[in-house]
């Protein structure tokens, strides 16, 4: 773990040498990390806002760690998403810092219904980023939001409102509410990746009165990101024989090198594909043909820095 001390950064001599040679501004080119895992909190009005930070151990100097902000589903907790997803292990393997954020009232207040009580989800996320950045060295150009279900809706909202901080978002088992689309005006292109099952009982791919069809969601982000009409489509190998298959659609190229991507899981349910704990049977199948955790790591590698 690298911490700021007395207004300066404490990092390895190798990182200092790289800075001296390359001159990368305020962020070190190379860094080491001491593993850390702890729950932090602060007050927002009358709400105690919790979050857990997991920092992987890295003894040898390497690139500054990206930051993954993970948002649980409605009725879940950050700890339950942590157990379900296995994101800690993915962070350790890929070298990113993961933060599990916690809703104050059981679910994320995506549309600001409780702002009159002082609850502000976007302000909460910004404050978490600020605090994590104070305690650890992070790659400011590679911060992404990842969310499941209701948390995936919040990740999309952050993609609409926080392009000054985020390089992209990953929405898992979540499509775009019509109301969010009507009010979504990103200030710059942002990479978007959706992972959605065709048998999801809560977020139907055909949409409904409250949700856009998934094709319309992708059209929205292709327009917003200035993507060309060219799209690449292919089916991923059936690795598990679990009655699901993954159909991938990537829209390229997009403005500033951003990406607009969809993994449509044929037969997949309301789940975190490839996770440690499968979704309840009533939520539909949890696909093993794709790993959300691997997709997060790959997404961080292929998207442009903010």
Protein backbone atom coordinates (compact mmCIF):
# COMPACT_ATOMS: atom_id res chain seq x y z
CA UNK A 1 0.00 0.00 0.00
CA UNK A 2 1.44 3.35 -1.01
CA UNK A 3 0.33 6.37 0.94
CA UNK A 4 0.72 10.10 0.56
CA UNK A 5 2.87 11.52 3.35
CA UNK A 6 3.45 15.23 3.99
CA UNK A 7 2.11 16.15 0.58
CA UNK A 8 4.44 13.82 -1.33
CA UNK A 9 4.24 10.25 -2.62
CA UNK A 10 6.19 7.47 -1.01
CA UNK A 11 7.19 4.93 -3.64
CA UNK A 12 10.05 2.74 -4.79
CA UNK A 13 13.36 3.96 -6.13
CA UNK A 14 12.51 2.22 -9.38
CA UNK A 15 9.33 4.33 -9.57
CA UNK A 16 11.40 7.45 -8.93
CA UNK A 17 13.81 6.51 -11.67
CA UNK A 18 11.00 5.89 -14.13
CA UNK A 19 9.49 9.25 -13.28
CA UNK A 20 12.77 11.00 -13.79
CA UNK A 21 13.17 9.40 -17.21
CA UNK A 22 9.61 9.54 -18.54
CA UNK A 23 8.13 12.51 -16.69
CA UNK A 24 4.55 11.42 -16.11
CA UNK A 25 3.21 14.35 -14.12
CA UNK A 26 1.74 13.71 -10.68
CA UNK A 27 1.30 9.92 -10.84
CA UNK A 28 4.18 7.48 -10.46
CA UNK A 29 4.83 5.27 -13.46
CA UNK A 30 5.65 2.23 -11.31
CA UNK A 31 4.52 1.33 -7.82
CA UNK A 32 4.50 -1.46 -5.24
CA UNK A 33 1.49 -2.33 -3.07
CA UNK A 34 1.13 -3.84 0.37
CA UNK A 35 -2.06 -5.90 0.58
CA UNK A 36 -4.88 -4.32 2.54
CA UNK A 37 -8.52 -5.11 3.16
CA UNK A 38 -10.66 -2.92 5.40
CA UNK A 39 -14.06 -1.33 5.86
CA UNK A 40 -14.20 2.48 6.00
CA UNK A 41 -17.07 4.88 6.63
CA UNK A 42 -18.08 8.53 6.71
CA UNK A 43 -21.26 10.46 7.35
CA UNK A 44 -23.45 11.88 4.59
CA UNK A 45 -26.15 13.93 6.31
CA UNK A 46 -27.68 11.40 8.74
CA UNK A 47 -26.49 8.37 6.76
CA UNK A 48 -23.43 6.28 7.61
CA UNK A 49 -21.84 5.49 4.25
CA UNK A 50 -19.75 2.31 4.28
CA UNK A 51 -17.32 0.88 1.76
CA UNK A 52 -14.74 -1.93 1.75
CA UNK A 53 -11.36 -1.46 0.03
CA UNK A 54 -9.39 -4.49 -1.17
CA UNK A 55 -5.79 -3.79 -2.25
CA UNK A 56 -3.76 -6.62 -3.81
CA UNK A 57 -0.21 -7.32 -2.71
CA UNK A 58 2.48 -6.44 -5.24
CA UNK A 59 6.06 -6.53 -4.03
CA UNK A 60 7.63 -5.76 -7.40
CA UNK A 61 7.17 -2.35 -8.98
CA UNK A 62 4.59 -2.26 -11.76
CA UNK A 63 2.01 0.02 -13.37
CA UNK A 64 -0.17 2.04 -11.03
CA UNK A 65 -3.31 0.10 -10.12
CA UNK A 66 -6.68 0.81 -11.77
CA UNK A 67 -9.69 1.28 -9.48
CA UNK A 68 -12.87 -0.80 -9.80
CA UNK A 69 -15.96 0.51 -8.00
CA UNK A 70 -18.35 -2.41 -7.36
CA UNK A 71 -22.07 -1.86 -6.72
CA UNK A 72 -24.29 -4.61 -5.32
CA UNK A 73 -27.85 -5.41 -6.34
CA UNK A 74 -31.06 -4.38 -4.59
CA UNK A 75 -31.53 -6.25 -1.30
CA UNK A 76 -27.85 -7.25 -1.31
CA UNK A 77 -24.92 -5.80 0.58
CA UNK A 78 -21.43 -5.04 -0.62
CA UNK A 79 -20.21 -8.03 1.41
CA UNK A 80 -22.68 -10.32 -0.35
CA UNK A 81 -21.56 -9.13 -3.77
CA UNK A 82 -17.96 -9.68 -2.67
CA UNK A 83 -18.76 -13.28 -1.73
CA UNK A 84 -20.91 -13.93 -4.81
CA UNK A 85 -18.53 -12.46 -7.39
CA UNK A 86 -15.05 -13.48 -6.24
CA UNK A 87 -13.78 -10.07 -7.32
CA UNK A 88 -11.08 -10.08 -4.61
CA UNK A 89 -9.35 -12.98 -6.34
CA UNK A 90 -9.67 -11.26 -9.71
CA UNK A 91 -8.17 -8.07 -8.26
CA UNK A 92 -5.26 -10.05 -6.82
CA UNK A 93 -4.61 -11.74 -10.16
CA UNK A 94 -5.00 -8.67 -12.39
CA UNK A 95 -3.57 -6.06 -10.03
CA UNK A 96 -6.49 -3.66 -9.63
CA UNK A 97 -7.92 -2.18 -6.44
CA UNK A 98 -11.59 -3.01 -5.85
CA UNK A 99 -13.98 -1.07 -3.64
CA UNK A 100 -17.33 -2.54 -2.61
CA UNK A 101 -19.73 0.32 -2.02
CA UNK A 102 -22.82 0.04 0.15
CA UNK A 103 -26.29 1.46 -0.43
CA UNK A 104 -27.74 3.28 2.57
CA UNK A 105 -31.32 2.05 2.22
CA UNK A 106 -31.13 -1.48 0.80
CA UNK A 107 -30.94 -0.34 -2.82
CA UNK A 108 -29.32 2.44 -4.80
CA UNK A 109 -31.29 5.68 -5.05
CA UNK A 110 -30.67 5.97 -8.77
CA UNK A 111 -33.22 8.70 -9.46
CA UNK A 112 -32.58 10.88 -6.42
CA UNK A 113 -35.87 10.13 -4.66
CA UNK A 114 -34.26 10.60 -1.24
CA UNK A 115 -32.03 13.57 -1.92
CA UNK A 116 -34.34 15.66 0.26
CA UNK A 117 -33.02 13.55 3.17
CA UNK A 118 -29.43 14.34 2.22
CA UNK A 119 -28.81 11.05 0.40
CA UNK A 120 -26.77 11.66 -2.75
CA UNK A 121 -25.32 8.59 -4.47
CA UNK A 122 -23.12 10.48 -6.95
CA UNK A 123 -21.65 12.63 -4.16
CA UNK A 124 -21.05 9.43 -2.14
CA UNK A 125 -19.16 7.83 -5.04
CA UNK A 126 -17.06 10.95 -5.58
CA UNK A 127 -16.16 11.05 -1.89
CA UNK A 128 -15.20 7.35 -1.90
CA UNK A 129 -12.89 7.95 -4.87
CA UNK A 130 -11.35 10.92 -3.09
CA UNK A 131 -10.73 8.95 0.10
CA UNK A 132 -9.31 5.91 -1.70
CA UNK A 133 -7.05 8.20 -3.72
CA UNK A 134 -5.81 9.79 -0.49
CA UNK A 135 -4.94 6.43 1.03
CA UNK A 136 -3.61 4.60 -2.05
CA UNK A 137 -1.98 5.46 -5.33
CA UNK A 138 -4.48 4.76 -8.13
CA UNK A 139 -4.42 5.23 -11.88
CA UNK A 140 -6.65 8.28 -12.24
CA UNK A 141 -7.22 7.49 -15.91
CA UNK A 142 -8.52 3.95 -15.29
CA UNK A 143 -11.40 4.15 -12.84
CA UNK A 144 -14.47 2.12 -13.79
CA UNK A 145 -17.87 1.40 -12.23
CA UNK A 146 -19.18 -2.17 -12.19
CA UNK A 147 -22.66 -3.03 -10.96
CA UNK A 148 -25.08 -5.93 -10.63
CA UNK A 149 -28.81 -5.41 -11.23
CA UNK A 150 -29.82 -2.20 -9.39
CA UNK A 151 -26.09 -1.59 -8.96
CA UNK A 152 -25.74 -1.95 -12.72
CA UNK A 153 -28.33 0.79 -13.19
CA UNK A 154 -26.28 3.02 -10.89
CA UNK A 155 -23.14 2.19 -12.88
CA UNK A 156 -24.96 3.42 -15.99
CA UNK A 157 -26.07 6.58 -14.19
CA UNK A 158 -22.44 7.26 -13.25
CA UNK A 159 -21.56 6.76 -16.91
CA UNK A 160 -24.02 9.54 -17.65
CA UNK A 161 -22.86 11.94 -14.94
CA UNK A 162 -19.23 11.18 -14.01
CA UNK A 163 -17.29 11.10 -17.26
CA UNK A 164 -14.87 13.53 -15.62
CA UNK A 165 -13.72 10.66 -13.36
CA UNK A 166 -14.70 7.39 -15.04
CA UNK A 167 -13.13 5.70 -18.05
CA UNK A 168 -16.00 3.25 -18.40
CA UNK A 169 -18.68 1.10 -16.78
CA UNK A 170 -19.80 -2.53 -16.81
CA UNK A 171 -23.51 -3.25 -16.25
CA UNK A 172 -24.20 -6.87 -15.23
CA UNK A 173 -27.78 -8.20 -15.38
CA UNK A 174 -29.04 -4.66 -15.93
CA UNK A 175 -30.30 -2.71 -18.92
CA UNK A 176 -31.18 0.98 -19.16
CA UNK A 177 -34.34 2.51 -17.66
CA UNK A 178 -36.15 4.79 -20.07
CA UNK A 179 -36.12 7.62 -17.52
CA UNK A 180 -32.34 7.36 -17.21
CA UNK A 181 -31.91 7.44 -20.99
CA UNK A 182 -34.09 10.55 -21.23
CA UNK A 183 -31.82 12.40 -18.80
CA UNK A 184 -28.44 10.91 -19.76
CA UNK A 185 -26.12 13.48 -21.31
CA UNK A 186 -22.48 12.44 -20.86
CA UNK A 187 -20.00 15.28 -21.25
CA UNK A 188 -17.58 13.07 -23.19
CA UNK A 189 -17.47 9.55 -24.68
CA UNK A 190 -17.21 6.71 -22.14
CA UNK A 191 -16.69 3.00 -22.68
CA UNK A 192 -19.72 0.83 -21.95
CA UNK A 193 -19.97 -2.93 -21.53
CA UNK A 194 -23.21 -4.82 -20.88
CA UNK A 195 -23.52 -8.45 -19.76
CA UNK A 196 -27.16 -9.51 -19.89
CA UNK A 197 -29.01 -12.85 -20.01
CA UNK A 198 -31.86 -13.42 -22.42
CA UNK A 199 -33.79 -15.29 -19.69
CA UNK A 200 -33.39 -12.57 -17.08
CA UNK A 201 -36.82 -12.22 -15.41
CA UNK A 202 -36.08 -8.74 -14.03
CA UNK A 203 -34.36 -7.02 -16.97
CA UNK A 204 -35.96 -8.48 -20.13
CA UNK A 205 -33.88 -7.90 -23.24
CA UNK A 206 -37.04 -6.90 -25.13
CA UNK A 207 -37.62 -4.11 -22.62
CA UNK A 208 -40.92 -3.05 -21.08
CA UNK A 209 -42.69 0.12 -20.01
CA UNK A 210 -39.81 1.07 -17.71
CA UNK A 211 -36.81 -0.39 -19.58
CA UNK A 212 -35.40 0.14 -23.06
CA UNK A 213 -34.88 -2.95 -25.22
CA UNK A 214 -31.23 -3.95 -25.11
CA UNK A 215 -30.82 -3.12 -28.84
CA UNK A 216 -31.98 0.43 -28.09
CA UNK A 217 -29.55 0.65 -25.17
CA UNK A 218 -26.65 -0.22 -27.44
CA UNK A 219 -27.87 2.25 -30.06
CA UNK A 220 -28.00 4.92 -27.36
CA UNK A 221 -24.35 4.41 -26.40
CA UNK A 222 -23.20 4.04 -30.00
CA UNK A 223 -24.72 7.46 -30.72
CA UNK A 224 -23.40 8.98 -27.51
CA UNK A 225 -19.90 7.61 -28.13
CA UNK A 226 -19.87 8.53 -31.82
CA UNK A 227 -19.39 4.94 -32.98
CA UNK A 228 -19.47 3.99 -36.62
CA UNK A 229 -22.24 1.74 -37.90
CA UNK A 230 -19.80 -1.14 -38.18
CA UNK A 231 -20.37 -3.90 -35.63
CA UNK A 232 -18.60 -7.18 -34.98
CA UNK A 233 -20.64 -10.21 -33.93
CA UNK A 234 -19.57 -13.69 -32.95
CA UNK A 235 -20.51 -16.57 -30.64
CA UNK A 236 -18.10 -17.55 -27.89
CA UNK A 237 -17.22 -21.24 -27.39
CA UNK A 238 -19.57 -23.28 -25.20
CA UNK A 239 -17.10 -24.08 -22.44
CA UNK A 240 -19.35 -25.57 -19.80
CA UNK A 241 -22.30 -27.28 -21.47
CA UNK A 242 -24.58 -25.43 -19.03
CA UNK A 243 -27.34 -24.73 -21.60
CA UNK A 244 -26.13 -21.14 -22.13
CA UNK A 245 -24.11 -19.60 -24.94
CA UNK A 246 -22.62 -16.12 -25.25
CA UNK A 247 -23.26 -13.91 -28.27
CA UNK A 248 -20.88 -10.95 -28.36
CA UNK A 249 -21.48 -7.66 -30.19
CA UNK A 250 -18.84 -4.94 -30.30
CA UNK A 251 -19.43 -1.57 -31.96
CA UNK A 252 -16.17 -0.11 -33.26
CA UNK A 253 -14.62 2.32 -33.81
CA UNK A 254 -15.95 4.94 -31.37
CA UNK A 255 -14.82 8.46 -30.49
CA UNK A 256 -11.58 8.80 -28.52
CA UNK A 257 -11.03 5.05 -28.80
CA UNK A 258 -13.94 4.23 -26.49
CA UNK A 259 -15.77 0.93 -26.78
CA UNK A 260 -19.45 -0.04 -26.79
CA UNK A 261 -19.90 -3.75 -26.08
CA UNK A 262 -22.56 -6.33 -25.31
CA UNK A 263 -22.29 -9.92 -24.12
CA UNK A 264 -25.75 -11.39 -24.64
CA UNK A 265 -26.01 -14.67 -22.74
CA UNK A 266 -28.50 -16.88 -24.56
CA UNK A 267 -30.48 -18.69 -21.87
CA UNK A 268 -28.74 -16.82 -19.05
CA UNK A 269 -30.59 -15.51 -16.03
CA UNK A 270 -30.28 -12.67 -13.53
CA UNK A 271 -26.79 -13.55 -12.35
CA UNK A 272 -23.07 -12.76 -12.11
CA UNK A 273 -21.75 -15.15 -14.78
CA UNK A 274 -18.76 -17.16 -13.66
CA UNK A 275 -19.19 -16.03 -10.06
CA UNK A 276 -18.35 -18.04 -6.96
CA UNK A 277 -21.97 -18.27 -5.78
CA UNK A 278 -24.68 -18.93 -8.42
CA UNK A 279 -27.89 -16.94 -8.46
CA UNK A 280 -31.04 -18.48 -6.93
CA UNK A 281 -32.76 -20.94 -9.24
CA UNK A 282 -35.73 -18.58 -9.60
CA UNK A 283 -33.39 -15.98 -11.13
CA UNK A 284 -32.47 -18.30 -14.02
CA UNK A 285 -29.21 -20.02 -14.96
CA UNK A 286 -25.79 -18.65 -14.00
CA UNK A 287 -23.65 -19.07 -17.10
CA UNK A 288 -20.16 -20.55 -16.79
CA UNK A 289 -19.26 -19.82 -20.42
CA UNK A 290 -18.11 -16.32 -19.48
CA UNK A 291 -16.55 -14.81 -16.37
CA UNK A 292 -17.57 -11.27 -15.44
CA UNK A 293 -14.36 -10.97 -13.44
CA UNK A 294 -12.22 -11.82 -16.47
CA UNK A 295 -14.26 -9.42 -18.58
CA UNK A 296 -13.62 -6.63 -16.06
CA UNK A 297 -9.87 -7.25 -16.20
CA UNK A 298 -9.92 -7.39 -20.00
CA UNK A 299 -12.13 -4.27 -20.20
CA UNK A 300 -9.57 -2.34 -18.14
CA UNK A 301 -6.85 -3.44 -20.55
CA UNK A 302 -8.57 -2.54 -23.80
CA UNK A 303 -10.38 0.72 -23.04
CA UNK A 304 -8.58 4.05 -23.35
CA UNK A 305 -7.60 5.94 -20.24
CA UNK A 306 -9.85 8.83 -19.33
